[in-house]
Amino acid sequence: MAQLHCYVPDEIAEQFKKKAEHAHTSTSKYLAMLIKNEIGSTWPDNYFELFGSWEGVPLERPEQGEYEQRQELK
């Protein structure tokens, strides 16, 4: 597993440490989680296979009624 090193101002480091403590994890794991959330933009496995797989009562859109009449913007 790769190691990354970075430098941040002391005040940012302290805030980061507090956030990691609040998440009950180490700073290393917390940073890895943040990076993964930022970079990991892939769809979950089998995501697209779910389309059309609803087996419950058919979904129907209820009547929408009439639109209200509004004054034109000028």
PDB file of N, CA and C in Angstrom:
ATOM      1  N   MET A   1       0.844  -1.163   0.000  1.00  0.00           N
ATOM      2  CA  MET A   1       0.000   0.000   0.000  1.00  0.00           C
ATOM      3  C   MET A   1       0.891   1.229   0.000  1.00  0.00           C
ATOM      4  N   ALA A   2       0.527   2.210  -0.827  1.00  0.00           N
ATOM      5  CA  ALA A   2       1.335   3.421  -0.957  1.00  0.00           C
ATOM      6  C   ALA A   2       1.189   4.321   0.260  1.00  0.00           C
ATOM      7  N   GLN A   3       2.232   5.075   0.515  1.00  0.00           N
ATOM      8  CA  GLN A   3       2.201   6.078   1.580  1.00  0.00           C
ATOM      9  C   GLN A   3       2.282   7.446   0.924  1.00  0.00           C
ATOM     10  N   LEU A   4       1.458   8.371   1.413  1.00  0.00           N
ATOM     11  CA  LEU A   4       1.477   9.743   0.918  1.00  0.00           C
ATOM     12  C   LEU A   4       1.872  10.665   2.062  1.00  0.00           C
ATOM     13  N   HIS A   5       2.632  11.670   1.741  1.00  0.00           N
ATOM     14  CA  HIS A   5       3.045  12.642   2.749  1.00  0.00           C
ATOM     15  C   HIS A   5       2.604  14.021   2.288  1.00  0.00           C
ATOM     16  N   CYS A   6       2.095  14.811   3.204  1.00  0.00           N
ATOM     17  CA  CYS A   6       1.701  16.168   2.850  1.00  0.00           C
ATOM     18  C   CYS A   6       1.962  17.082   4.041  1.00  0.00           C
ATOM     19  N   TYR A   7       2.011  18.355   3.756  1.00  0.00           N
ATOM     20  CA  TYR A   7       2.247  19.349   4.784  1.00  0.00           C
ATOM     21  C   TYR A   7       1.049  20.283   4.827  1.00  0.00           C
ATOM     22  N   VAL A   8       0.547  20.528   6.020  1.00  0.00           N
ATOM     23  CA  VAL A   8      -0.574  21.447   6.214  1.00  0.00           C
ATOM     24  C   VAL A   8      -0.245  22.352   7.399  1.00  0.00           C
ATOM     25  N   PRO A   9      -0.879  23.511   7.473  1.00  0.00           N
ATOM     26  CA  PRO A   9      -0.647  24.382   8.627  1.00  0.00           C
ATOM     27  C   PRO A   9      -1.062  23.680   9.924  1.00  0.00           C
ATOM     28  N   ASP A  10      -0.417  24.056  11.016  1.00  0.00           N
ATOM     29  CA  ASP A  10      -0.675  23.427  12.310  1.00  0.00           C
ATOM     30  C   ASP A  10      -2.145  23.475  12.706  1.00  0.00           C
ATOM     31  N   GLU A  11      -2.806  24.601  12.449  1.00  0.00           N
ATOM     32  CA  GLU A  11      -4.212  24.731  12.836  1.00  0.00           C
ATOM     33  C   GLU A  11      -5.099  23.745  12.060  1.00  0.00           C
ATOM     34  N   ILE A  12      -4.764  23.507  10.803  1.00  0.00           N
ATOM     35  CA  ILE A  12      -5.515  22.531   9.998  1.00  0.00           C
ATOM     36  C   ILE A  12      -5.253  21.129  10.527  1.00  0.00           C
ATOM     37  N   ALA A  13      -4.016  20.844  10.883  1.00  0.00           N
ATOM     38  CA  ALA A  13      -3.668  19.524  11.416  1.00  0.00           C
ATOM     39  C   ALA A  13      -4.431  19.245  12.703  1.00  0.00           C
ATOM     40  N   GLU A  14      -4.545  20.243  13.564  1.00  0.00           N
ATOM     41  CA  GLU A  14      -5.281  20.062  14.820  1.00  0.00           C
ATOM     42  C   GLU A  14      -6.762  19.802  14.559  1.00  0.00           C
ATOM     43  N   GLN A  15      -7.351  20.557  13.648  1.00  0.00           N
ATOM     44  CA  GLN A  15      -8.756  20.338  13.297  1.00  0.00           C
ATOM     45  C   GLN A  15      -8.955  18.942  12.718  1.00  0.00           C
ATOM     46  N   PHE A  16      -8.008  18.531  11.883  1.00  0.00           N
ATOM     47  CA  PHE A  16      -8.081  17.210  11.263  1.00  0.00           C
ATOM     48  C   PHE A  16      -8.012  16.107  12.317  1.00  0.00           C
ATOM     49  N   LYS A  17      -7.112  16.251  13.272  1.00  0.00           N
ATOM     50  CA  LYS A  17      -6.980  15.267  14.347  1.00  0.00           C
ATOM     51  C   LYS A  17      -8.272  15.161  15.152  1.00  0.00           C
ATOM     52  N   LYS A  18      -8.904  16.301  15.417  1.00  0.00           N
ATOM     53  CA  LYS A  18     -10.167  16.295  16.160  1.00  0.00           C
ATOM     54  C   LYS A  18     -11.260  15.586  15.378  1.00  0.00           C
ATOM     55  N   LYS A  19     -11.296  15.819  14.067  1.00  0.00           N
ATOM     56  CA  LYS A  19     -12.291  15.145  13.219  1.00  0.00           C
ATOM     57  C   LYS A  19     -12.064  13.636  13.226  1.00  0.00           C
ATOM     58  N   ALA A  20     -10.823  13.216  13.155  1.00  0.00           N
ATOM     59  CA  ALA A  20     -10.507  11.785  13.168  1.00  0.00           C
ATOM     60  C   ALA A  20     -10.907  11.168  14.503  1.00  0.00           C
ATOM     61  N   GLU A  21     -10.622  11.866  15.590  1.00  0.00           N
ATOM     62  CA  GLU A  21     -11.016  11.377  16.916  1.00  0.00           C
ATOM     63  C   GLU A  21     -12.534  11.263  17.017  1.00  0.00           C
ATOM     64  N   HIS A  22     -13.222  12.269  16.500  1.00  0.00           N
ATOM     65  CA  HIS A  22     -14.687  12.265  16.528  1.00  0.00           C
ATOM     66  C   HIS A  22     -15.249  11.075  15.731  1.00  0.00           C
ATOM     67  N   ALA A  23     -14.530  10.682  14.677  1.00  0.00           N
ATOM     68  CA  ALA A  23     -14.934   9.535  13.850  1.00  0.00           C
ATOM     69  C   ALA A  23     -14.435   8.215  14.443  1.00  0.00           C
ATOM     70  N   HIS A  24     -13.759   8.284  15.593  1.00  0.00           N
ATOM     71  CA  HIS A  24     -13.212   7.099  16.277  1.00  0.00           C
ATOM     72  C   HIS A  24     -12.285   6.292  15.377  1.00  0.00           C
ATOM     73  N   THR A  25     -11.386   6.990  14.718  1.00  0.00           N
ATOM     74  CA  THR A  25     -10.426   6.313  13.842  1.00  0.00           C
ATOM     75  C   THR A  25      -9.096   7.055  13.871  1.00  0.00           C
ATOM     76  N   SER A  26      -8.092   6.430  13.336  1.00  0.00           N
ATOM     77  CA  SER A  26      -6.775   7.071  13.282  1.00  0.00           C
ATOM     78  C   SER A  26      -6.779   8.135  12.186  1.00  0.00           C
ATOM     79  N   THR A  27      -5.819   9.034  12.289  1.00  0.00           N
ATOM     80  CA  THR A  27      -5.726  10.078  11.268  1.00  0.00           C
ATOM     81  C   THR A  27      -5.424   9.464   9.902  1.00  0.00           C
ATOM     82  N   SER A  28      -4.634   8.419   9.868  1.00  0.00           N
ATOM     83  CA  SER A  28      -4.301   7.761   8.608  1.00  0.00           C
ATOM     84  C   SER A  28      -5.546   7.167   7.953  1.00  0.00           C
ATOM     85  N   LYS A  29      -6.345   6.444   8.736  1.00  0.00           N
ATOM     86  CA  LYS A  29      -7.571   5.852   8.184  1.00  0.00           C
ATOM     87  C   LYS A  29      -8.573   6.928   7.796  1.00  0.00           C
ATOM     88  N   TYR A  30      -8.646   7.985   8.572  1.00  0.00           N
ATOM     89  CA  TYR A  30      -9.576   9.069   8.271  1.00  0.00           C
ATOM     90  C   TYR A  30      -9.196   9.754   6.963  1.00  0.00           C
ATOM     91  N   LEU A  31      -7.911  10.006   6.779  1.00  0.00           N
ATOM     92  CA  LEU A  31      -7.448  10.615   5.535  1.00  0.00           C
ATOM     93  C   LEU A  31      -7.713   9.696   4.350  1.00  0.00           C
ATOM     94  N   ALA A  32      -7.462   8.412   4.525  1.00  0.00           N
ATOM     95  CA  ALA A  32      -7.725   7.452   3.444  1.00  0.00           C
ATOM     96  C   ALA A  32      -9.203   7.439   3.086  1.00  0.00           C
ATOM     97  N   MET A  33     -10.077   7.540   4.091  1.00  0.00           N
ATOM     98  CA  MET A  33     -11.512   7.567   3.844  1.00  0.00           C
ATOM     99  C   MET A  33     -11.897   8.827   3.056  1.00  0.00           C
ATOM    100  N   LEU A  34     -11.347   9.975   3.435  1.00  0.00           N
ATOM    101  CA  LEU A  34     -11.643  11.221   2.733  1.00  0.00           C
ATOM    102  C   LEU A  34     -11.192  11.154   1.277  1.00  0.00           C
ATOM    103  N   ILE A  35     -10.008  10.623   1.055  1.00  0.00           N
ATOM    104  CA  ILE A  35      -9.488  10.504  -0.308  1.00  0.00           C
ATOM    105  C   ILE A  35     -10.364   9.557  -1.121  1.00  0.00           C
ATOM    106  N   LYS A  36     -10.717   8.426  -0.525  1.00  0.00           N
ATOM    107  CA  LYS A  36     -11.552   7.450  -1.234  1.00  0.00           C
ATOM    108  C   LYS A  36     -12.901   8.063  -1.602  1.00  0.00           C
ATOM    109  N   ASN A  37     -13.510   8.816  -0.674  1.00  0.00           N
ATOM    110  CA  ASN A  37     -14.797   9.458  -0.955  1.00  0.00           C
ATOM    111  C   ASN A  37     -14.679  10.498  -2.064  1.00  0.00           C
ATOM    112  N   GLU A  38     -13.549  11.180  -2.111  1.00  0.00           N
ATOM    113  CA  GLU A  38     -13.351  12.221  -3.111  1.00  0.00           C
ATOM    114  C   GLU A  38     -13.043  11.637  -4.488  1.00  0.00           C
ATOM    115  N   ILE A  39     -12.261  10.601  -4.523  1.00  0.00           N
ATOM    116  CA  ILE A  39     -11.806  10.031  -5.794  1.00  0.00           C
ATOM    117  C   ILE A  39     -12.704   8.890  -6.258  1.00  0.00           C
ATOM    118  N   GLY A  40     -13.208   8.116  -5.339  1.00  0.00           N
ATOM    119  CA  GLY A  40     -14.002   6.945  -5.696  1.00  0.00           C
ATOM    120  C   GLY A  40     -15.351   7.318  -6.258  1.00  0.00           C
ATOM    121  N   SER A  41     -15.417   7.582  -7.552  1.00  0.00           N
ATOM    122  CA  SER A  41     -16.665   8.000  -8.171  1.00  0.00           C
ATOM    123  C   SER A  41     -17.236   6.919  -9.085  1.00  0.00           C
ATOM    124  N   THR A  42     -16.976   5.677  -8.773  1.00  0.00           N
ATOM    125  CA  THR A  42     -17.502   4.600  -9.601  1.00  0.00           C
ATOM    126  C   THR A  42     -18.835   4.125  -9.051  1.00  0.00           C
ATOM    127  N   TRP A  43     -19.631   3.530  -9.889  1.00  0.00           N
ATOM    128  CA  TRP A  43     -20.911   2.984  -9.476  1.00  0.00           C
ATOM    129  C   TRP A  43     -20.687   1.693  -8.702  1.00  0.00           C
ATOM    130  N   PRO A  44     -21.536   1.372  -7.741  1.00  0.00           N
ATOM    131  CA  PRO A  44     -21.401   0.108  -7.009  1.00  0.00           C
ATOM    132  C   PRO A  44     -21.538  -1.083  -7.956  1.00  0.00           C
ATOM    133  N   ASP A  45     -20.959  -2.206  -7.579  1.00  0.00           N
ATOM    134  CA  ASP A  45     -21.069  -3.417  -8.388  1.00  0.00           C
ATOM    135  C   ASP A  45     -22.533  -3.744  -8.629  1.00  0.00           C
ATOM    136  N   ASN A  46     -22.839  -4.169  -9.829  1.00  0.00           N
ATOM    137  CA  ASN A  46     -24.182  -4.586 -10.248  1.00  0.00           C
ATOM    138  C   ASN A  46     -25.222  -3.473 -10.183  1.00  0.00           C
ATOM    139  N   TYR A  47     -24.816  -2.216 -10.102  1.00  0.00           N
ATOM    140  CA  TYR A  47     -25.750  -1.100  -9.970  1.00  0.00           C
ATOM    141  C   TYR A  47     -26.731  -1.052 -11.144  1.00  0.00           C
ATOM    142  N   PHE A  48     -26.212  -1.143 -12.354  1.00  0.00           N
ATOM    143  CA  PHE A  48     -27.064  -0.998 -13.524  1.00  0.00           C
ATOM    144  C   PHE A  48     -27.930  -2.227 -13.775  1.00  0.00           C
ATOM    145  N   GLU A  49     -27.603  -3.339 -13.165  1.00  0.00           N
ATOM    146  CA  GLU A  49     -28.431  -4.535 -13.308  1.00  0.00           C
ATOM    147  C   GLU A  49     -29.733  -4.403 -12.524  1.00  0.00           C
ATOM    148  N   LEU A  50     -29.825  -3.423 -11.628  1.00  0.00           N
ATOM    149  CA  LEU A  50     -31.029  -3.228 -10.829  1.00  0.00           C
ATOM    150  C   LEU A  50     -32.150  -2.554 -11.607  1.00  0.00           C
ATOM    151  N   PHE A  51     -31.828  -1.851 -12.690  1.00  0.00           N
ATOM    152  CA  PHE A  51     -32.851  -1.148 -13.449  1.00  0.00           C
ATOM    153  C   PHE A  51     -33.878  -2.126 -13.987  1.00  0.00           C
ATOM    154  N   GLY A  52     -35.148  -1.824 -13.727  1.00  0.00           N
ATOM    155  CA  GLY A  52     -36.230  -2.677 -14.197  1.00  0.00           C
ATOM    156  C   GLY A  52     -36.464  -3.899 -13.341  1.00  0.00           C
ATOM    157  N   SER A  53     -35.827  -3.988 -12.188  1.00  0.00           N
ATOM    158  CA  SER A  53     -35.946  -5.192 -11.368  1.00  0.00           C
ATOM    159  C   SER A  53     -36.988  -5.063 -10.261  1.00  0.00           C
ATOM    160  N   TRP A  54     -37.755  -3.959 -10.228  1.00  0.00           N
ATOM    161  CA  TRP A  54     -38.784  -3.763  -9.212  1.00  0.00           C
ATOM    162  C   TRP A  54     -39.841  -4.847  -9.359  1.00  0.00           C
ATOM    163  N   GLU A  55     -40.152  -5.538  -8.262  1.00  0.00           N
ATOM    164  CA  GLU A  55     -41.108  -6.635  -8.311  1.00  0.00           C
ATOM    165  C   GLU A  55     -42.365  -6.357  -7.498  1.00  0.00           C
ATOM    166  N   GLY A  56     -42.487  -5.171  -6.953  1.00  0.00           N
ATOM    167  CA  GLY A  56     -43.643  -4.825  -6.136  1.00  0.00           C
ATOM    168  C   GLY A  56     -44.808  -4.334  -6.978  1.00  0.00           C
ATOM    169  N   VAL A  57     -45.725  -3.668  -6.320  1.00  0.00           N
ATOM    170  CA  VAL A  57     -46.889  -3.091  -6.997  1.00  0.00           C
ATOM    171  C   VAL A  57     -46.389  -2.082  -8.027  1.00  0.00           C
ATOM    172  N   PRO A  58     -46.961  -2.085  -9.232  1.00  0.00           N
ATOM    173  CA  PRO A  58     -46.506  -1.120 -10.246  1.00  0.00           C
ATOM    174  C   PRO A  58     -46.608   0.310  -9.725  1.00  0.00           C
ATOM    175  N   LEU A  59     -45.595   1.088 -10.011  1.00  0.00           N
ATOM    176  CA  LEU A  59     -45.571   2.478  -9.575  1.00  0.00           C
ATOM    177  C   LEU A  59     -46.394   3.312 -10.551  1.00  0.00           C
ATOM    178  N   GLU A  60     -47.284   4.125 -10.014  1.00  0.00           N
ATOM    179  CA  GLU A  60     -48.116   4.973 -10.849  1.00  0.00           C
ATOM    180  C   GLU A  60     -48.046   6.402 -10.331  1.00  0.00           C
ATOM    181  N   ARG A  61     -47.958   7.341 -11.262  1.00  0.00           N
ATOM    182  CA  ARG A  61     -47.931   8.751 -10.892  1.00  0.00           C
ATOM    183  C   ARG A  61     -49.367   9.219 -10.698  1.00  0.00           C
ATOM    184  N   PRO A  62     -49.682   9.818  -9.548  1.00  0.00           N
ATOM    185  CA  PRO A  62     -51.053  10.299  -9.326  1.00  0.00           C
ATOM    186  C   PRO A  62     -51.363  11.498 -10.214  1.00  0.00           C
ATOM    187  N   GLU A  63     -52.641  11.804 -10.360  1.00  0.00           N
ATOM    188  CA  GLU A  63     -53.057  12.973 -11.121  1.00  0.00           C
ATOM    189  C   GLU A  63     -52.375  14.218 -10.567  1.00  0.00           C
ATOM    190  N   GLN A  64     -51.961  15.095 -11.463  1.00  0.00           N
ATOM    191  CA  GLN A  64     -51.232  16.285 -11.052  1.00  0.00           C
ATOM    192  C   GLN A  64     -52.116  17.512 -10.904  1.00  0.00           C
ATOM    193  N   GLY A  65     -53.356  17.417 -11.334  1.00  0.00           N
ATOM    194  CA  GLY A  65     -54.250  18.564 -11.205  1.00  0.00           C
ATOM    195  C   GLY A  65     -53.940  19.624 -12.238  1.00  0.00           C
ATOM    196  N   GLU A  66     -54.582  20.750 -12.095  1.00  0.00           N
ATOM    197  CA  GLU A  66     -54.406  21.864 -13.026  1.00  0.00           C
ATOM    198  C   GLU A  66     -53.316  22.802 -12.516  1.00  0.00           C
ATOM    199  N   TYR A  67     -52.595  23.393 -13.456  1.00  0.00           N
ATOM    200  CA  TYR A  67     -51.604  24.390 -13.084  1.00  0.00           C
ATOM    201  C   TYR A  67     -52.309  25.687 -12.708  1.00  0.00           C
ATOM    202  N   GLU A  68     -51.769  26.380 -11.743  1.00  0.00           N
ATOM    203  CA  GLU A  68     -52.337  27.673 -11.376  1.00  0.00           C
ATOM    204  C   GLU A  68     -51.909  28.712 -12.403  1.00  0.00           C
ATOM    205  N   GLN A  69     -52.740  29.686 -12.606  1.00  0.00           N
ATOM    206  CA  GLN A  69     -52.434  30.762 -13.531  1.00  0.00           C
ATOM    207  C   GLN A  69     -51.658  31.850 -12.779  1.00  0.00           C
ATOM    208  N   ARG A  70     -50.532  32.244 -13.313  1.00  0.00           N
ATOM    209  CA  ARG A  70     -49.707  33.263 -12.687  1.00  0.00           C
ATOM    210  C   ARG A  70     -49.524  34.450 -13.615  1.00  0.00           C
ATOM    211  N   GLN A  71     -49.209  35.577 -13.016  1.00  0.00           N
ATOM    212  CA  GLN A  71     -48.941  36.773 -13.828  1.00  0.00           C
ATOM    213  C   GLN A  71     -47.594  36.590 -14.533  1.00  0.00           C
ATOM    214  N   GLU A  72     -47.505  37.166 -15.717  1.00  0.00           N
ATOM    215  CA  GLU A  72     -46.260  37.090 -16.461  1.00  0.00           C
ATOM    216  C   GLU A  72     -45.209  37.977 -15.812  1.00  0.00           C
ATOM    217  N   LEU A  73     -43.945  37.539 -15.874  1.00  0.00           N
ATOM    218  CA  LEU A  73     -42.838  38.370 -15.402  1.00  0.00           C
ATOM    219  C   LEU A  73     -42.500  39.396 -16.459  1.00  0.00           C
ATOM    220  N   LYS A  74     -42.171  40.584 -16.038  1.00  0.00           N
ATOM    221  CA  LYS A  74     -41.820  41.645 -16.999  1.00  0.00           C
ATOM    222  C   LYS A  74     -40.418  42.124 -16.777  1.00  0.00           C
TER     223      LYS A  74
END
